[in-house]
Amino acid sequence: MEILQFALRKIIGGIPLILGVTFISFLLMVYYGPDKTYELLGKNPTAEQIESVRAELGYDQPFLQRYVTYLREIVTLDFGNSFSSGERVNSILKRTMPISLAVITPGFILGNLLGLVLALVAAYHRSGWIDKAIMGFSVVGMSISFLIVVIAFQLIFCSSYGLNWFPSRGWDVYSLSDYLRFVTVPTMATIFVALGYNTRFYRAVIVEEMGRDHVRTARAFGTPPAQLLYRSVLKNSLIPIITRIMFSIPLVVISGSLIIETYFGIPGVGKVTYDAITQGDQPILKAVVGLTAVLFVLTLLITDILYRVVDPRVSLK
């Protein structure tokens, strides 16, 4: 009951955030986005045709009325039809979201797990050559643009100029072996970039925890490294680690999938979003922005509940 009450309060508290994000994004789409009227009509349309298309697209309605309609679409999860293809937006998202999750999830999980392992090793050997080597690798990963990494990995592993082991574009997945062939290079690129940021952040958190009195005492009494790092350090560092992981989920889902799917030609949400931006497909953009805002609020809720799970001292009030 306590968790349900807390969840309800958190959701209600997240409504202003959703309203703020959706209002600003909708304002930008309405006043700075492309007008699809003349694209749909072609050359030399009549005044009656222009008026009819603008009414069909909802352009003739007042701004606040259109915004309220947008909020209703978010609540009902009914975003209408795509301007470009005419397909239901819900059908597009239902088809593309599983693909995006399949592409992003392996790199996201492995990037965080490997980052934690490297951070633990670096923190345990603080100021030693192992620590310096891991931090040097992290700096390299952070310094290179994600797009450059994607291009480099594609050239190395997918082209005739390199090893040519994996497909360079597409998503013809019908079996586990097909999935592994198409997801390997995007996953490696994601891990390479994520490791830099994750390792440096996790190391800073772990180094701070290793300076606590109970950790120094356990180390002085000869506690084995694995037991020391797991019981005395990692468990007490979980709150900032959980915060880092959870708050990166909305960012990874949108920006990460957009770059990878666009460059590799993978038909996921990121590719659909990129096409919607270039084509001015407002129904798809409204759906992606609105659902991302909702995802962020849900992330806040789950994060606070996880705080209580890993540390009973945390209150849900």
Protein backbone atom coordinates (compact mmCIF):
# COMPACT_ATOMS: atom_id res chain seq x y z
CA MET A 1 0.00 0.00 0.00
CA GLU A 2 2.83 2.39 0.85
CA ILE A 3 4.45 1.79 -2.54
CA LEU A 4 1.15 2.32 -4.37
CA GLN A 5 0.55 5.60 -2.57
CA PHE A 6 4.09 6.70 -3.30
CA ALA A 7 3.72 5.77 -6.99
CA LEU A 8 0.50 7.74 -7.23
CA ARG A 9 2.11 10.81 -5.64
CA LYS A 10 5.11 10.51 -7.94
CA ILE A 11 2.96 10.24 -11.05
CA ILE A 12 0.89 13.24 -10.02
CA GLY A 13 4.08 15.15 -9.26
CA GLY A 14 5.40 14.28 -12.72
CA ILE A 15 2.42 15.81 -14.53
CA PRO A 16 3.95 19.36 -14.55
CA LEU A 17 7.11 17.89 -16.11
CA ILE A 18 5.10 16.18 -18.85
CA LEU A 19 3.10 19.35 -19.47
CA GLY A 20 6.25 21.46 -19.67
CA VAL A 21 8.11 19.17 -22.06
CA THR A 22 5.13 18.57 -24.32
CA PHE A 23 4.13 22.26 -24.39
CA ILE A 24 7.60 23.47 -25.41
CA SER A 25 8.06 20.74 -28.00
CA PHE A 26 4.58 21.29 -29.41
CA LEU A 27 5.21 25.04 -29.58
CA LEU A 28 8.38 24.47 -31.59
CA MET A 29 6.67 22.01 -33.92
CA VAL A 30 3.74 24.34 -34.60
CA TYR A 31 5.63 27.58 -35.17
CA TYR A 32 8.96 26.31 -36.54
CA GLY A 33 8.08 22.97 -38.07
CA PRO A 34 7.36 22.55 -41.80
CA ASP A 35 3.88 23.15 -43.18
CA LYS A 36 2.76 19.97 -44.95
CA THR A 37 -0.13 21.67 -46.75
CA TYR A 38 1.63 22.43 -50.02
CA GLU A 39 3.58 19.18 -50.01
CA LEU A 40 0.29 17.29 -49.99
CA LEU A 41 -1.39 19.52 -52.56
CA GLY A 42 1.35 20.00 -55.11
CA LYS A 43 1.54 22.95 -57.45
CA ASN A 44 -1.16 25.60 -58.02
CA PRO A 45 -3.74 24.47 -55.44
CA THR A 46 -7.03 26.33 -55.17
CA ALA A 47 -8.06 28.24 -52.06
CA GLU A 48 -10.73 25.62 -51.35
CA GLN A 49 -8.18 22.80 -51.56
CA ILE A 50 -5.80 24.63 -49.24
CA GLU A 51 -8.55 25.27 -46.73
CA SER A 52 -9.70 21.64 -46.89
CA VAL A 53 -6.20 20.21 -46.32
CA ARG A 54 -5.44 22.64 -43.47
CA ALA A 55 -8.71 21.61 -41.80
CA GLU A 56 -7.84 17.95 -42.28
CA LEU A 57 -4.40 18.47 -40.73
CA GLY A 58 -5.83 20.57 -37.91
CA TYR A 59 -3.83 23.67 -38.88
CA ASP A 60 -6.94 25.87 -38.79
CA GLN A 61 -7.53 25.27 -35.06
CA PRO A 62 -6.29 27.63 -32.32
CA PHE A 63 -2.97 26.70 -30.72
CA LEU A 64 -4.37 25.85 -27.28
CA GLN A 65 -7.07 23.67 -28.81
CA ARG A 66 -4.44 21.77 -30.79
CA TYR A 67 -2.31 21.38 -27.64
CA VAL A 68 -5.26 20.04 -25.63
CA THR A 69 -5.91 17.58 -28.46
CA TYR A 70 -2.26 16.53 -28.22
CA LEU A 71 -2.59 15.90 -24.48
CA ARG A 72 -5.70 13.84 -25.15
CA GLU A 73 -3.71 11.79 -27.65
CA ILE A 74 -1.03 11.09 -25.01
CA VAL A 75 -3.63 10.01 -22.44
CA THR A 76 -5.49 7.78 -24.88
CA LEU A 77 -2.31 6.66 -26.71
CA ASP A 78 -4.02 7.46 -30.00
CA PHE A 79 -1.79 9.69 -32.15
CA GLY A 80 -3.68 9.42 -35.42
CA ASN A 81 -2.06 8.70 -38.78
CA SER A 82 1.38 9.53 -40.10
CA PHE A 83 1.43 12.46 -42.51
CA SER A 84 4.00 10.72 -44.70
CA SER A 85 2.71 7.15 -44.99
CA GLY A 86 -0.86 7.40 -43.76
CA GLU A 87 -0.24 4.45 -41.42
CA ARG A 88 -1.47 4.59 -37.85
CA VAL A 89 1.24 5.98 -35.58
CA ASN A 90 0.43 3.33 -32.98
CA SER A 91 1.05 0.62 -35.57
CA ILE A 92 4.39 2.20 -36.51
CA LEU A 93 5.52 2.35 -32.88
CA LYS A 94 4.28 -1.18 -32.18
CA ARG A 95 6.34 -2.45 -35.11
CA THR A 96 9.51 -0.42 -34.47
CA MET A 97 9.83 -0.33 -30.66
CA PRO A 98 10.74 -4.05 -30.27
CA ILE A 99 13.45 -3.60 -32.91
CA SER A 100 14.94 -0.60 -31.08
CA LEU A 101 14.93 -2.48 -27.80
CA ALA A 102 16.62 -5.46 -29.44
CA VAL A 103 19.32 -3.19 -30.89
CA ILE A 104 20.01 -0.99 -27.86
CA THR A 105 19.56 -3.38 -24.92
CA PRO A 106 22.72 -5.54 -25.33
CA GLY A 107 25.04 -2.54 -25.59
CA PHE A 108 23.32 -0.73 -22.73
CA ILE A 109 23.53 -3.69 -20.34
CA LEU A 110 27.06 -4.74 -21.28
CA GLY A 111 28.30 -1.14 -21.26
CA ASN A 112 27.14 -0.67 -17.69
CA LEU A 113 28.31 -4.09 -16.44
CA LEU A 114 31.76 -3.77 -17.98
CA GLY A 115 31.98 -0.16 -16.77
CA LEU A 116 31.27 -1.32 -13.23
CA VAL A 117 33.85 -4.12 -13.39
CA LEU A 118 36.55 -1.82 -14.78
CA ALA A 119 35.69 0.87 -12.24
CA LEU A 120 36.01 -1.60 -9.37
CA VAL A 121 39.39 -2.80 -10.65
CA ALA A 122 40.63 0.74 -11.22
CA ALA A 123 39.46 1.94 -7.80
CA TYR A 124 41.06 -1.03 -6.04
CA HIS A 125 44.39 -0.30 -7.77
CA ARG A 126 44.02 3.46 -7.38
CA SER A 127 46.98 5.48 -8.74
CA GLY A 128 48.64 2.30 -10.02
CA TRP A 129 49.37 1.48 -13.64
CA ILE A 130 46.16 -0.55 -13.94
CA ASP A 131 44.11 2.44 -12.81
CA LYS A 132 45.95 4.75 -15.20
CA ALA A 133 45.52 2.37 -18.12
CA ILE A 134 41.77 1.99 -17.52
CA MET A 135 41.30 5.75 -17.11
CA GLY A 136 43.34 6.39 -20.25
CA PHE A 137 41.06 4.07 -22.21
CA SER A 138 38.04 5.84 -20.70
CA VAL A 139 39.29 9.24 -21.81
CA VAL A 140 39.78 7.93 -25.35
CA GLY A 141 36.24 6.56 -25.40
CA MET A 142 34.81 9.85 -24.14
CA SER A 143 36.82 11.95 -26.60
CA ILE A 144 35.59 10.30 -29.78
CA SER A 145 32.20 11.18 -31.24
CA PHE A 146 29.64 8.38 -31.21
CA LEU A 147 29.05 8.92 -34.93
CA ILE A 148 32.79 8.59 -35.66
CA VAL A 149 32.89 5.35 -33.66
CA VAL A 150 29.91 3.96 -35.58
CA ILE A 151 31.52 4.83 -38.93
CA ALA A 152 34.88 3.37 -37.89
CA PHE A 153 33.38 0.13 -36.60
CA GLN A 154 31.30 -0.24 -39.73
CA LEU A 155 34.37 0.21 -41.93
CA ILE A 156 36.41 -2.25 -39.86
CA PHE A 157 33.88 -5.03 -39.40
CA CYS A 158 31.30 -4.59 -42.17
CA SER A 159 33.04 -3.37 -45.33
CA SER A 160 35.34 -4.88 -47.94
CA TYR A 161 38.01 -2.42 -46.76
CA GLY A 162 38.05 -4.23 -43.41
CA LEU A 163 37.12 -7.67 -42.14
CA ASN A 164 33.69 -7.77 -43.83
CA TRP A 165 32.32 -10.11 -41.15
CA PHE A 166 28.93 -8.52 -40.55
CA PRO A 167 26.15 -6.85 -42.61
CA SER A 168 26.64 -3.11 -43.05
CA ARG A 169 22.95 -2.20 -43.20
CA GLY A 170 19.47 -3.64 -42.77
CA TRP A 171 17.64 -5.84 -40.29
CA ASP A 172 16.77 -9.19 -41.88
CA VAL A 173 16.37 -11.04 -38.60
CA TYR A 174 14.59 -14.40 -38.65
CA SER A 175 16.69 -16.42 -36.20
CA LEU A 176 19.12 -16.00 -33.31
CA SER A 177 22.11 -16.25 -35.64
CA ASP A 178 20.66 -13.49 -37.83
CA TYR A 179 20.09 -11.35 -34.76
CA LEU A 180 23.68 -11.79 -33.59
CA ARG A 181 25.02 -10.89 -37.03
CA PHE A 182 23.06 -7.65 -37.24
CA VAL A 183 23.36 -6.53 -33.62
CA THR A 184 27.07 -7.22 -32.98
CA VAL A 185 28.61 -4.11 -34.54
CA PRO A 186 26.03 -1.63 -33.14
CA THR A 187 26.55 -3.24 -29.73
CA MET A 188 30.34 -2.95 -29.93
CA ALA A 189 30.08 0.71 -30.93
CA THR A 190 27.68 1.43 -28.06
CA ILE A 191 29.91 -0.33 -25.54
CA PHE A 192 33.05 1.47 -26.73
CA VAL A 193 31.55 4.91 -26.15
CA ALA A 194 29.54 4.03 -23.04
CA LEU A 195 32.53 2.45 -21.30
CA GLY A 196 34.37 5.76 -21.15
CA TYR A 197 31.59 7.70 -19.44
CA ASN A 198 30.40 4.82 -17.27
CA THR A 199 33.83 3.77 -16.04
CA ARG A 200 34.88 7.27 -15.01
CA PHE A 201 31.61 7.93 -13.19
CA TYR A 202 31.50 4.58 -11.42
CA ARG A 203 35.17 4.83 -10.45
CA ALA A 204 34.59 8.23 -8.82
CA VAL A 205 31.69 6.82 -6.81
CA ILE A 206 33.60 3.70 -5.78
CA VAL A 207 36.78 5.60 -4.85
CA GLU A 208 34.74 7.82 -2.54
CA GLU A 209 33.19 4.76 -0.90
CA MET A 210 36.57 3.06 -0.50
CA GLY A 211 37.68 5.98 1.65
CA ARG A 212 35.08 5.14 4.31
CA ASP A 213 36.28 3.91 7.69
CA HIS A 214 34.57 0.52 7.47
CA VAL A 215 36.21 -0.23 4.11
CA ARG A 216 39.68 0.72 5.35
CA THR A 217 39.12 -1.44 8.44
CA ALA A 218 37.98 -4.44 6.38
CA ARG A 219 40.97 -4.03 4.08
CA ALA A 220 43.35 -3.80 7.06
CA PHE A 221 41.98 -7.08 8.42
CA GLY A 222 42.83 -8.82 5.14
CA THR A 223 39.37 -9.15 3.60
CA PRO A 224 39.72 -10.75 0.15
CA PRO A 225 39.46 -8.20 -2.70
CA ALA A 226 36.34 -9.72 -4.28
CA GLN A 227 34.49 -9.84 -0.96
CA LEU A 228 35.66 -6.34 -0.03
CA LEU A 229 34.56 -4.80 -3.32
CA TYR A 230 31.19 -6.57 -3.38
CA ARG A 231 30.03 -6.39 0.24
CA SER A 232 31.70 -3.26 1.56
CA VAL A 233 31.96 -1.06 -1.52
CA LEU A 234 29.56 -1.97 -4.33
CA LYS A 235 26.48 -2.48 -2.15
CA ASN A 236 26.99 0.90 -0.49
CA SER A 237 27.50 2.62 -3.86
CA LEU A 238 24.30 1.39 -5.49
CA ILE A 239 22.22 4.56 -5.10
CA PRO A 240 24.37 6.79 -7.39
CA ILE A 241 24.93 3.82 -9.71
CA ILE A 242 21.18 3.21 -10.00
CA THR A 243 20.65 6.93 -10.61
CA ARG A 244 23.18 6.89 -13.43
CA ILE A 245 21.71 3.82 -15.08
CA MET A 246 18.05 4.76 -14.78
CA PHE A 247 18.39 8.37 -15.91
CA SER A 248 20.37 7.31 -18.98
CA ILE A 249 17.55 5.07 -20.22
CA PRO A 250 15.42 7.79 -21.92
CA LEU A 251 18.53 9.34 -23.47
CA VAL A 252 19.80 6.01 -24.79
CA VAL A 253 16.41 5.01 -26.17
CA ILE A 254 16.08 8.21 -28.21
CA SER A 255 19.52 9.58 -29.13
CA GLY A 256 21.41 6.28 -29.15
CA SER A 257 18.90 4.43 -31.26
CA LEU A 258 18.53 7.42 -33.60
CA ILE A 259 22.24 7.48 -34.54
CA ILE A 260 22.69 3.72 -34.77
CA GLU A 261 19.46 2.96 -36.61
CA THR A 262 19.86 5.82 -39.06
CA TYR A 263 23.41 4.91 -40.00
CA PHE A 264 22.85 1.13 -40.10
CA GLY A 265 19.44 1.41 -41.78
CA ILE A 266 17.66 -0.42 -38.96
CA PRO A 267 13.87 0.18 -39.03
CA GLY A 268 13.41 1.05 -35.36
CA VAL A 269 12.01 4.04 -33.48
CA GLY A 270 15.24 6.00 -33.96
CA LYS A 271 15.09 5.66 -37.75
CA VAL A 272 11.40 6.52 -37.79
CA THR A 273 12.07 9.58 -35.62
CA TYR A 274 14.87 10.76 -37.91
CA ASP A 275 12.64 10.37 -40.96
CA ALA A 276 9.84 12.22 -39.18
CA ILE A 277 12.20 15.13 -38.39
CA THR A 278 13.37 15.43 -41.99
CA GLN A 279 9.85 15.07 -43.40
CA GLY A 280 8.01 17.17 -40.83
CA ASP A 281 5.79 14.25 -39.79
CA GLN A 282 4.24 15.85 -36.70
CA PRO A 283 2.07 12.91 -35.51
CA ILE A 284 5.15 10.71 -35.14
CA LEU A 285 7.21 13.47 -33.52
CA LYS A 286 4.40 14.25 -31.07
CA ALA A 287 4.13 10.58 -30.15
CA VAL A 288 7.88 10.18 -29.59
CA VAL A 289 8.20 13.38 -27.52
CA GLY A 290 5.11 12.65 -25.44
CA LEU A 291 6.05 9.05 -24.73
CA THR A 292 9.62 10.07 -23.88
CA ALA A 293 8.30 12.54 -21.28
CA VAL A 294 6.10 9.80 -19.81
CA LEU A 295 9.08 7.40 -19.84
CA PHE A 296 11.15 9.95 -17.91
CA VAL A 297 8.47 10.26 -15.21
CA LEU A 298 8.21 6.47 -14.94
CA THR A 299 12.00 6.34 -14.66
CA LEU A 300 11.87 8.76 -11.72
CA LEU A 301 9.26 6.56 -10.06
CA ILE A 302 11.16 3.29 -10.56
CA THR A 303 14.42 4.92 -9.44
CA ASP A 304 12.96 6.02 -6.12
CA ILE A 305 11.49 2.57 -5.51
CA LEU A 306 14.86 0.96 -6.28
CA TYR A 307 16.46 3.29 -3.74
CA ARG A 308 14.24 1.76 -1.08
CA VAL A 309 15.02 -1.77 -2.27
CA VAL A 310 18.81 -1.37 -2.01
CA ASP A 311 18.73 0.82 1.11
CA PRO A 312 15.84 0.31 3.60
CA ARG A 313 16.80 3.59 5.28
CA VAL A 314 15.46 5.52 2.27
CA SER A 315 11.93 6.78 2.84
CA LEU A 316 9.24 6.70 0.19
CA LYS A 317 7.54 9.78 1.65
